[in-house]
């Protein structure tokens, strides 16, 4: 699973507005390109987390159009999205995953909560007990968006 979506960066008055054609709920702005990119990643993560919490299917990322910039949520948010999706695929609730991990349901609830600062290694461990592993990919910085 790769949670990277094309974003449009448009200059409006004194700010740069970021929107996602595939995720219309994710829209934000920043004072400059760097801030707009960071805010875009946060907005995308929050919107995708909302989809998962509402048990809606995540939109498929479209191919970027000319001028689009690919944006992904923070790694921890992406990992938590993957965890929730895998749990849904396997029909596991928090209690069932907690039993597989040998931890309390409270710990699993925190692992899947996008607002809780879990350790990435703990999310990776939860994915591993469900037959998946995380891959971290590092790319060159994006070109200036606006």
N, C-alpha and C. Protein backbone atom coordinates (compact mmCIF):
# COMPACT_ATOMS: atom_id res chain seq x y z
N UNK A 1 0.84 -1.17 0.00
CA UNK A 1 0.00 0.00 0.00
C UNK A 1 0.89 1.24 0.00
N UNK A 2 0.59 2.13 -0.88
CA UNK A 2 1.33 3.39 -0.95
C UNK A 2 0.32 4.51 -0.85
N UNK A 3 0.47 5.35 0.14
CA UNK A 3 -0.47 6.43 0.41
C UNK A 3 0.11 7.75 -0.10
N UNK A 4 0.24 7.86 -1.39
CA UNK A 4 0.80 9.07 -2.00
C UNK A 4 -0.18 9.53 -3.08
N UNK A 5 -0.56 10.80 -2.99
CA UNK A 5 -1.61 11.33 -3.87
C UNK A 5 -1.13 12.60 -4.57
N UNK A 6 -1.61 12.82 -5.80
CA UNK A 6 -1.26 14.07 -6.49
C UNK A 6 -1.99 15.25 -5.85
N UNK A 7 -1.25 16.33 -5.69
CA UNK A 7 -1.81 17.55 -5.09
C UNK A 7 -1.65 18.71 -6.05
N UNK A 8 -2.61 19.62 -5.98
CA UNK A 8 -2.55 20.85 -6.76
C UNK A 8 -2.17 21.98 -5.81
N UNK A 9 -1.19 22.76 -6.21
CA UNK A 9 -0.77 23.93 -5.44
C UNK A 9 -1.14 25.16 -6.26
N UNK A 10 -1.99 26.01 -5.69
CA UNK A 10 -2.44 27.20 -6.40
C UNK A 10 -2.24 28.43 -5.53
N UNK A 11 -1.72 29.47 -6.11
CA UNK A 11 -1.50 30.71 -5.38
C UNK A 11 -2.81 31.49 -5.35
N UNK A 12 -3.26 31.81 -4.12
CA UNK A 12 -4.46 32.61 -3.90
C UNK A 12 -4.10 33.72 -2.93
N UNK A 13 -4.12 34.94 -3.43
CA UNK A 13 -3.77 36.11 -2.61
C UNK A 13 -2.39 35.91 -2.00
N UNK A 14 -2.29 35.84 -0.68
CA UNK A 14 -0.99 35.75 -0.03
C UNK A 14 -0.67 34.34 0.48
N UNK A 15 -1.39 33.34 -0.02
CA UNK A 15 -1.12 31.97 0.43
C UNK A 15 -1.17 30.99 -0.73
N UNK A 16 -0.65 29.81 -0.46
CA UNK A 16 -0.67 28.73 -1.44
C UNK A 16 -1.67 27.69 -0.96
N UNK A 17 -2.71 27.47 -1.74
CA UNK A 17 -3.77 26.52 -1.39
C UNK A 17 -3.40 25.15 -1.98
N UNK A 18 -3.53 24.14 -1.15
CA UNK A 18 -3.23 22.76 -1.56
C UNK A 18 -4.53 21.98 -1.55
N UNK A 19 -4.81 21.29 -2.65
CA UNK A 19 -5.99 20.44 -2.72
C UNK A 19 -5.61 19.13 -3.40
N UNK A 20 -6.44 18.13 -3.17
CA UNK A 20 -6.19 16.79 -3.69
C UNK A 20 -7.40 16.35 -4.51
N UNK A 21 -7.26 16.21 -5.83
CA UNK A 21 -8.40 15.82 -6.65
C UNK A 21 -9.04 14.50 -6.22
N UNK A 22 -8.23 13.57 -5.72
CA UNK A 22 -8.76 12.26 -5.33
C UNK A 22 -9.32 12.23 -3.92
N UNK A 23 -8.98 13.23 -3.10
CA UNK A 23 -9.40 13.29 -1.70
C UNK A 23 -9.93 14.71 -1.45
N UNK A 24 -11.16 14.99 -1.88
CA UNK A 24 -11.67 16.36 -1.80
C UNK A 24 -11.78 16.91 -0.38
N UNK A 25 -11.80 16.03 0.61
CA UNK A 25 -11.87 16.49 2.00
C UNK A 25 -10.55 17.12 2.46
N UNK A 26 -9.48 16.85 1.74
CA UNK A 26 -8.16 17.35 2.12
C UNK A 26 -7.87 18.64 1.36
N UNK A 27 -8.00 19.75 2.05
CA UNK A 27 -7.68 21.04 1.46
C UNK A 27 -7.12 21.92 2.57
N UNK A 28 -6.05 22.63 2.25
CA UNK A 28 -5.38 23.45 3.25
C UNK A 28 -4.57 24.52 2.54
N UNK A 29 -3.81 25.27 3.28
CA UNK A 29 -2.99 26.33 2.69
C UNK A 29 -1.77 26.58 3.55
N UNK A 30 -0.80 27.23 2.93
CA UNK A 30 0.41 27.63 3.64
C UNK A 30 0.91 28.95 3.10
N UNK A 31 1.75 29.60 3.88
CA UNK A 31 2.29 30.90 3.49
C UNK A 31 3.33 30.78 2.38
N UNK A 32 4.02 29.65 2.32
CA UNK A 32 5.01 29.41 1.27
C UNK A 32 4.93 27.95 0.85
N UNK A 33 5.73 27.56 -0.12
CA UNK A 33 5.66 26.20 -0.67
C UNK A 33 5.95 25.15 0.40
N UNK A 34 6.98 25.37 1.20
CA UNK A 34 7.33 24.38 2.22
C UNK A 34 6.21 24.20 3.24
N UNK A 35 5.66 25.30 3.71
CA UNK A 35 4.57 25.20 4.67
C UNK A 35 3.34 24.57 4.03
N UNK A 36 3.04 24.94 2.79
CA UNK A 36 1.90 24.37 2.09
C UNK A 36 2.07 22.86 1.92
N UNK A 37 3.27 22.41 1.62
CA UNK A 37 3.54 20.98 1.46
C UNK A 37 3.32 20.25 2.79
N UNK A 38 3.86 20.80 3.88
CA UNK A 38 3.69 20.18 5.20
C UNK A 38 2.21 20.14 5.60
N UNK A 39 1.54 21.26 5.40
CA UNK A 39 0.11 21.32 5.73
C UNK A 39 -0.69 20.36 4.84
N UNK A 40 -0.29 20.24 3.59
CA UNK A 40 -0.96 19.30 2.68
C UNK A 40 -0.81 17.86 3.15
N UNK A 41 0.39 17.51 3.59
CA UNK A 41 0.61 16.15 4.10
C UNK A 41 -0.26 15.89 5.33
N UNK A 42 -0.36 16.88 6.22
CA UNK A 42 -1.20 16.74 7.41
C UNK A 42 -2.67 16.61 7.04
N UNK A 43 -3.13 17.46 6.13
CA UNK A 43 -4.54 17.41 5.71
C UNK A 43 -4.87 16.08 5.04
N UNK A 44 -3.95 15.60 4.21
CA UNK A 44 -4.16 14.32 3.54
C UNK A 44 -4.25 13.20 4.57
N UNK A 45 -3.33 13.18 5.52
CA UNK A 45 -3.36 12.15 6.55
C UNK A 45 -4.65 12.16 7.35
N UNK A 46 -5.10 13.35 7.72
CA UNK A 46 -6.35 13.47 8.49
C UNK A 46 -7.54 13.00 7.67
N UNK A 47 -7.59 13.38 6.41
CA UNK A 47 -8.72 12.98 5.56
C UNK A 47 -8.74 11.47 5.35
N UNK A 48 -7.58 10.88 5.07
CA UNK A 48 -7.53 9.43 4.87
C UNK A 48 -7.87 8.68 6.15
N UNK A 49 -7.43 9.20 7.28
CA UNK A 49 -7.78 8.58 8.56
C UNK A 49 -9.29 8.63 8.76
N UNK A 50 -9.91 9.73 8.36
CA UNK A 50 -11.37 9.83 8.43
C UNK A 50 -12.06 8.77 7.59
N UNK A 51 -11.54 8.53 6.39
CA UNK A 51 -12.11 7.48 5.54
C UNK A 51 -12.07 6.13 6.27
N UNK A 52 -10.90 5.81 6.84
CA UNK A 52 -10.73 4.52 7.50
C UNK A 52 -11.62 4.43 8.73
N UNK A 53 -11.68 5.47 9.53
CA UNK A 53 -12.51 5.44 10.74
C UNK A 53 -13.99 5.30 10.40
N UNK A 54 -14.40 5.84 9.27
CA UNK A 54 -15.79 5.73 8.84
C UNK A 54 -16.03 4.45 8.03
N UNK A 55 -14.99 3.61 7.93
CA UNK A 55 -15.03 2.35 7.19
C UNK A 55 -15.40 2.56 5.73
N UNK A 56 -14.91 3.65 5.17
CA UNK A 56 -15.07 3.93 3.74
C UNK A 56 -13.82 3.46 3.02
N UNK A 57 -13.96 3.07 1.79
CA UNK A 57 -12.80 2.68 0.99
C UNK A 57 -11.95 3.90 0.70
N UNK A 58 -10.64 3.72 0.75
CA UNK A 58 -9.75 4.82 0.39
C UNK A 58 -9.79 5.05 -1.11
N UNK A 59 -9.78 6.30 -1.53
CA UNK A 59 -9.74 6.56 -2.96
C UNK A 59 -8.40 6.11 -3.54
N UNK A 60 -8.43 5.63 -4.75
CA UNK A 60 -7.20 5.24 -5.42
C UNK A 60 -6.51 6.51 -5.94
N UNK A 61 -5.21 6.61 -5.72
CA UNK A 61 -4.50 7.77 -6.26
C UNK A 61 -4.49 7.75 -7.79
N UNK A 62 -4.83 8.87 -8.39
CA UNK A 62 -4.78 8.97 -9.85
C UNK A 62 -3.35 9.29 -10.28
N UNK A 63 -3.12 9.22 -11.56
CA UNK A 63 -1.80 9.60 -12.07
C UNK A 63 -1.68 11.12 -11.98
N UNK A 64 -0.52 11.60 -11.59
CA UNK A 64 -0.37 13.06 -11.48
C UNK A 64 -0.46 13.72 -12.85
N UNK A 65 -1.11 14.86 -12.86
CA UNK A 65 -1.19 15.68 -14.07
C UNK A 65 -0.07 16.69 -14.04
N UNK A 66 0.15 17.34 -15.15
CA UNK A 66 1.20 18.35 -15.23
C UNK A 66 0.98 19.41 -14.14
N UNK A 67 2.02 19.68 -13.40
CA UNK A 67 1.95 20.66 -12.33
C UNK A 67 1.59 20.09 -10.97
N UNK A 68 1.12 18.83 -10.93
CA UNK A 68 0.80 18.21 -9.64
C UNK A 68 2.09 17.83 -8.91
N UNK A 69 2.00 17.77 -7.61
CA UNK A 69 3.09 17.32 -6.76
C UNK A 69 2.56 16.15 -5.95
N UNK A 70 3.34 15.08 -5.88
CA UNK A 70 2.93 13.92 -5.10
C UNK A 70 3.18 14.20 -3.62
N UNK A 71 2.16 13.94 -2.80
CA UNK A 71 2.23 14.20 -1.36
C UNK A 71 1.77 12.94 -0.63
N UNK A 72 2.46 12.64 0.45
CA UNK A 72 2.10 11.49 1.30
C UNK A 72 1.94 11.98 2.73
N UNK A 73 1.10 11.30 3.50
CA UNK A 73 1.00 11.66 4.92
C UNK A 73 2.28 11.26 5.65
N UNK A 74 2.42 11.68 6.88
CA UNK A 74 3.56 11.32 7.71
C UNK A 74 3.68 9.79 7.78
N UNK A 75 4.90 9.27 7.90
CA UNK A 75 5.09 7.81 7.93
C UNK A 75 4.26 7.10 8.99
N UNK A 76 4.14 7.67 10.19
CA UNK A 76 3.36 7.02 11.23
C UNK A 76 1.88 6.95 10.85
N UNK A 77 1.37 8.01 10.25
CA UNK A 77 -0.04 8.00 9.81
C UNK A 77 -0.24 6.95 8.72
N UNK A 78 0.68 6.89 7.75
CA UNK A 78 0.58 5.88 6.69
C UNK A 78 0.60 4.48 7.27
N UNK A 79 1.48 4.24 8.25
CA UNK A 79 1.56 2.92 8.87
C UNK A 79 0.25 2.59 9.60
N UNK A 80 -0.33 3.56 10.29
CA UNK A 80 -1.58 3.32 11.00
C UNK A 80 -2.73 3.07 10.02
N UNK A 81 -2.70 3.76 8.88
CA UNK A 81 -3.71 3.49 7.85
C UNK A 81 -3.58 2.06 7.35
N UNK A 82 -2.35 1.63 7.08
CA UNK A 82 -2.11 0.27 6.62
C UNK A 82 -2.57 -0.75 7.66
N UNK A 83 -2.32 -0.45 8.92
CA UNK A 83 -2.73 -1.35 10.01
C UNK A 83 -4.25 -1.50 10.05
N UNK A 84 -4.94 -0.38 10.00
CA UNK A 84 -6.41 -0.44 10.02
C UNK A 84 -6.96 -1.20 8.82
N UNK A 85 -6.39 -0.93 7.65
CA UNK A 85 -6.86 -1.61 6.44
C UNK A 85 -6.62 -3.12 6.52
N UNK A 86 -5.46 -3.51 7.04
CA UNK A 86 -5.15 -4.94 7.16
C UNK A 86 -6.08 -5.60 8.17
N UNK A 87 -6.36 -4.93 9.25
CA UNK A 87 -7.30 -5.48 10.23
C UNK A 87 -8.66 -5.70 9.59
N UNK A 88 -9.10 -4.74 8.79
CA UNK A 88 -10.39 -4.87 8.11
C UNK A 88 -10.36 -6.05 7.13
N UNK A 89 -9.27 -6.18 6.37
CA UNK A 89 -9.14 -7.29 5.42
C UNK A 89 -9.28 -8.63 6.11
N UNK A 90 -8.68 -8.75 7.29
CA UNK A 90 -8.69 -10.02 8.02
C UNK A 90 -9.89 -10.17 8.94
N UNK A 91 -10.72 -9.12 9.03
CA UNK A 91 -11.89 -9.18 9.89
C UNK A 91 -11.53 -9.17 11.37
N UNK A 92 -10.43 -8.51 11.72
CA UNK A 92 -9.99 -8.45 13.11
C UNK A 92 -10.43 -7.15 13.76
N UNK A 93 -10.88 -7.25 15.00
CA UNK A 93 -11.15 -6.05 15.78
C UNK A 93 -9.96 -5.82 16.72
N UNK A 94 -10.04 -4.77 17.53
CA UNK A 94 -8.93 -4.45 18.43
C UNK A 94 -8.63 -5.59 19.40
N UNK A 95 -9.66 -6.22 19.91
CA UNK A 95 -9.47 -7.31 20.88
C UNK A 95 -8.74 -8.48 20.23
N UNK A 96 -9.13 -8.84 19.02
CA UNK A 96 -8.49 -9.97 18.33
C UNK A 96 -7.02 -9.67 18.02
N UNK A 97 -6.73 -8.44 17.59
CA UNK A 97 -5.33 -8.10 17.32
C UNK A 97 -4.55 -8.07 18.63
N UNK A 98 -5.15 -7.57 19.69
CA UNK A 98 -4.48 -7.54 20.99
C UNK A 98 -4.10 -8.96 21.42
N UNK A 99 -4.99 -9.91 21.19
CA UNK A 99 -4.69 -11.30 21.55
C UNK A 99 -3.51 -11.83 20.74
N UNK A 100 -3.45 -11.51 19.46
CA UNK A 100 -2.33 -11.95 18.62
C UNK A 100 -1.01 -11.33 19.08
N UNK A 101 -1.09 -10.09 19.54
CA UNK A 101 0.12 -9.38 19.97
C UNK A 101 0.49 -9.68 21.43
N UNK A 102 -0.45 -10.22 22.19
CA UNK A 102 -0.21 -10.48 23.60
C UNK A 102 -0.19 -9.20 24.42
N UNK A 103 -1.03 -8.23 24.03
CA UNK A 103 -1.12 -6.95 24.73
C UNK A 103 -2.58 -6.66 25.04
N UNK A 104 -2.83 -5.58 25.75
CA UNK A 104 -4.21 -5.20 26.06
C UNK A 104 -4.87 -4.51 24.87
N UNK A 105 -6.18 -4.50 24.89
CA UNK A 105 -6.93 -3.82 23.83
C UNK A 105 -6.63 -2.34 23.83
N UNK A 106 -6.35 -1.77 24.98
CA UNK A 106 -6.02 -0.34 25.07
C UNK A 106 -4.79 -0.02 24.23
N UNK A 107 -3.81 -0.88 24.25
CA UNK A 107 -2.59 -0.65 23.46
C UNK A 107 -2.92 -0.67 21.97
N UNK A 108 -3.75 -1.61 21.54
CA UNK A 108 -4.13 -1.67 20.12
C UNK A 108 -4.95 -0.45 19.75
N UNK A 109 -5.84 -0.02 20.64
CA UNK A 109 -6.64 1.18 20.36
C UNK A 109 -5.72 2.37 20.10
N UNK A 110 -4.65 2.48 20.86
CA UNK A 110 -3.69 3.56 20.65
C UNK A 110 -2.91 3.37 19.35
N UNK A 111 -2.60 2.12 19.02
CA UNK A 111 -1.86 1.86 17.78
C UNK A 111 -2.63 2.30 16.54
N UNK A 112 -3.94 2.14 16.56
CA UNK A 112 -4.74 2.49 15.38
C UNK A 112 -5.25 3.93 15.41
N UNK A 113 -5.06 4.62 16.52
CA UNK A 113 -5.53 5.99 16.67
C UNK A 113 -4.55 6.94 15.97
N UNK A 114 -4.99 7.63 14.90
CA UNK A 114 -4.06 8.51 14.18
C UNK A 114 -3.58 9.70 15.00
N UNK A 115 -4.29 10.02 16.09
CA UNK A 115 -3.89 11.15 16.92
C UNK A 115 -2.96 10.75 18.07
N UNK A 116 -2.71 9.45 18.22
CA UNK A 116 -1.82 8.99 19.29
C UNK A 116 -0.41 8.79 18.74
N UNK A 117 0.57 9.29 19.46
CA UNK A 117 1.97 9.19 19.03
C UNK A 117 2.55 7.82 19.37
N UNK A 118 2.16 6.81 18.62
CA UNK A 118 2.70 5.46 18.80
C UNK A 118 4.12 5.40 18.26
N UNK A 119 4.84 4.38 18.66
CA UNK A 119 6.15 4.13 18.08
C UNK A 119 5.95 3.38 16.76
N UNK A 120 6.65 3.83 15.74
CA UNK A 120 6.53 3.21 14.43
C UNK A 120 6.86 1.72 14.50
N UNK A 121 7.83 1.35 15.33
CA UNK A 121 8.21 -0.06 15.47
C UNK A 121 7.05 -0.90 16.00
N UNK A 122 6.23 -0.33 16.87
CA UNK A 122 5.08 -1.08 17.40
C UNK A 122 4.02 -1.30 16.33
N UNK A 123 3.82 -0.31 15.48
CA UNK A 123 2.87 -0.48 14.38
C UNK A 123 3.40 -1.53 13.40
N UNK A 124 4.71 -1.49 13.14
CA UNK A 124 5.34 -2.48 12.26
C UNK A 124 5.18 -3.89 12.83
N UNK A 125 5.32 -4.03 14.14
CA UNK A 125 5.15 -5.34 14.77
C UNK A 125 3.72 -5.85 14.60
N UNK A 126 2.75 -4.95 14.76
CA UNK A 126 1.35 -5.34 14.59
C UNK A 126 1.08 -5.78 13.15
N UNK A 127 1.66 -5.07 12.20
CA UNK A 127 1.51 -5.48 10.80
C UNK A 127 2.15 -6.84 10.57
N UNK A 128 3.30 -7.07 11.19
CA UNK A 128 4.02 -8.32 11.01
C UNK A 128 3.21 -9.53 11.49
N UNK A 129 2.49 -9.39 12.61
CA UNK A 129 1.70 -10.52 13.09
C UNK A 129 0.50 -10.79 12.18
N UNK A 130 0.23 -9.84 11.27
CA UNK A 130 -0.84 -10.05 10.30
C UNK A 130 -0.28 -10.34 8.91
N UNK A 131 1.01 -10.69 8.85
CA UNK A 131 1.60 -11.14 7.59
C UNK A 131 2.08 -10.04 6.66
N UNK A 132 2.32 -8.85 7.18
CA UNK A 132 2.80 -7.76 6.34
C UNK A 132 4.04 -7.14 6.96
N UNK A 133 4.82 -6.49 6.13
CA UNK A 133 5.98 -5.75 6.64
C UNK A 133 6.02 -4.38 5.99
N UNK A 134 6.61 -3.45 6.71
CA UNK A 134 6.72 -2.08 6.21
C UNK A 134 8.03 -1.92 5.45
N UNK A 135 7.97 -1.07 4.44
CA UNK A 135 9.16 -0.68 3.70
C UNK A 135 9.22 0.83 3.74
N UNK A 136 10.36 1.36 4.14
CA UNK A 136 10.54 2.80 4.17
C UNK A 136 11.29 3.19 2.91
N UNK A 137 10.76 4.16 2.21
CA UNK A 137 11.36 4.62 0.96
C UNK A 137 11.70 6.09 1.10
N UNK A 138 12.89 6.44 0.69
CA UNK A 138 13.33 7.83 0.75
C UNK A 138 13.56 8.29 -0.68
N UNK A 139 13.02 9.46 -1.01
CA UNK A 139 13.17 10.02 -2.35
C UNK A 139 13.80 11.40 -2.26
N UNK A 140 14.25 11.89 -3.39
CA UNK A 140 14.77 13.26 -3.46
C UNK A 140 13.65 14.23 -3.14
N UNK A 141 14.03 15.42 -2.68
CA UNK A 141 13.04 16.45 -2.40
C UNK A 141 12.22 16.74 -3.64
N UNK A 142 10.98 17.12 -3.42
CA UNK A 142 10.11 17.49 -4.53
C UNK A 142 10.60 18.77 -5.18
N UNK A 143 10.24 18.95 -6.40
CA UNK A 143 10.52 20.23 -7.06
C UNK A 143 9.58 21.27 -6.48
N UNK A 144 9.92 22.53 -6.55
CA UNK A 144 9.02 23.56 -6.05
C UNK A 144 7.67 23.41 -6.71
N UNK A 145 6.63 23.44 -5.90
CA UNK A 145 5.29 23.15 -6.37
C UNK A 145 4.62 24.33 -7.06
N UNK A 146 4.81 25.49 -6.53
CA UNK A 146 4.07 26.62 -7.08
C UNK A 146 4.95 27.53 -7.91
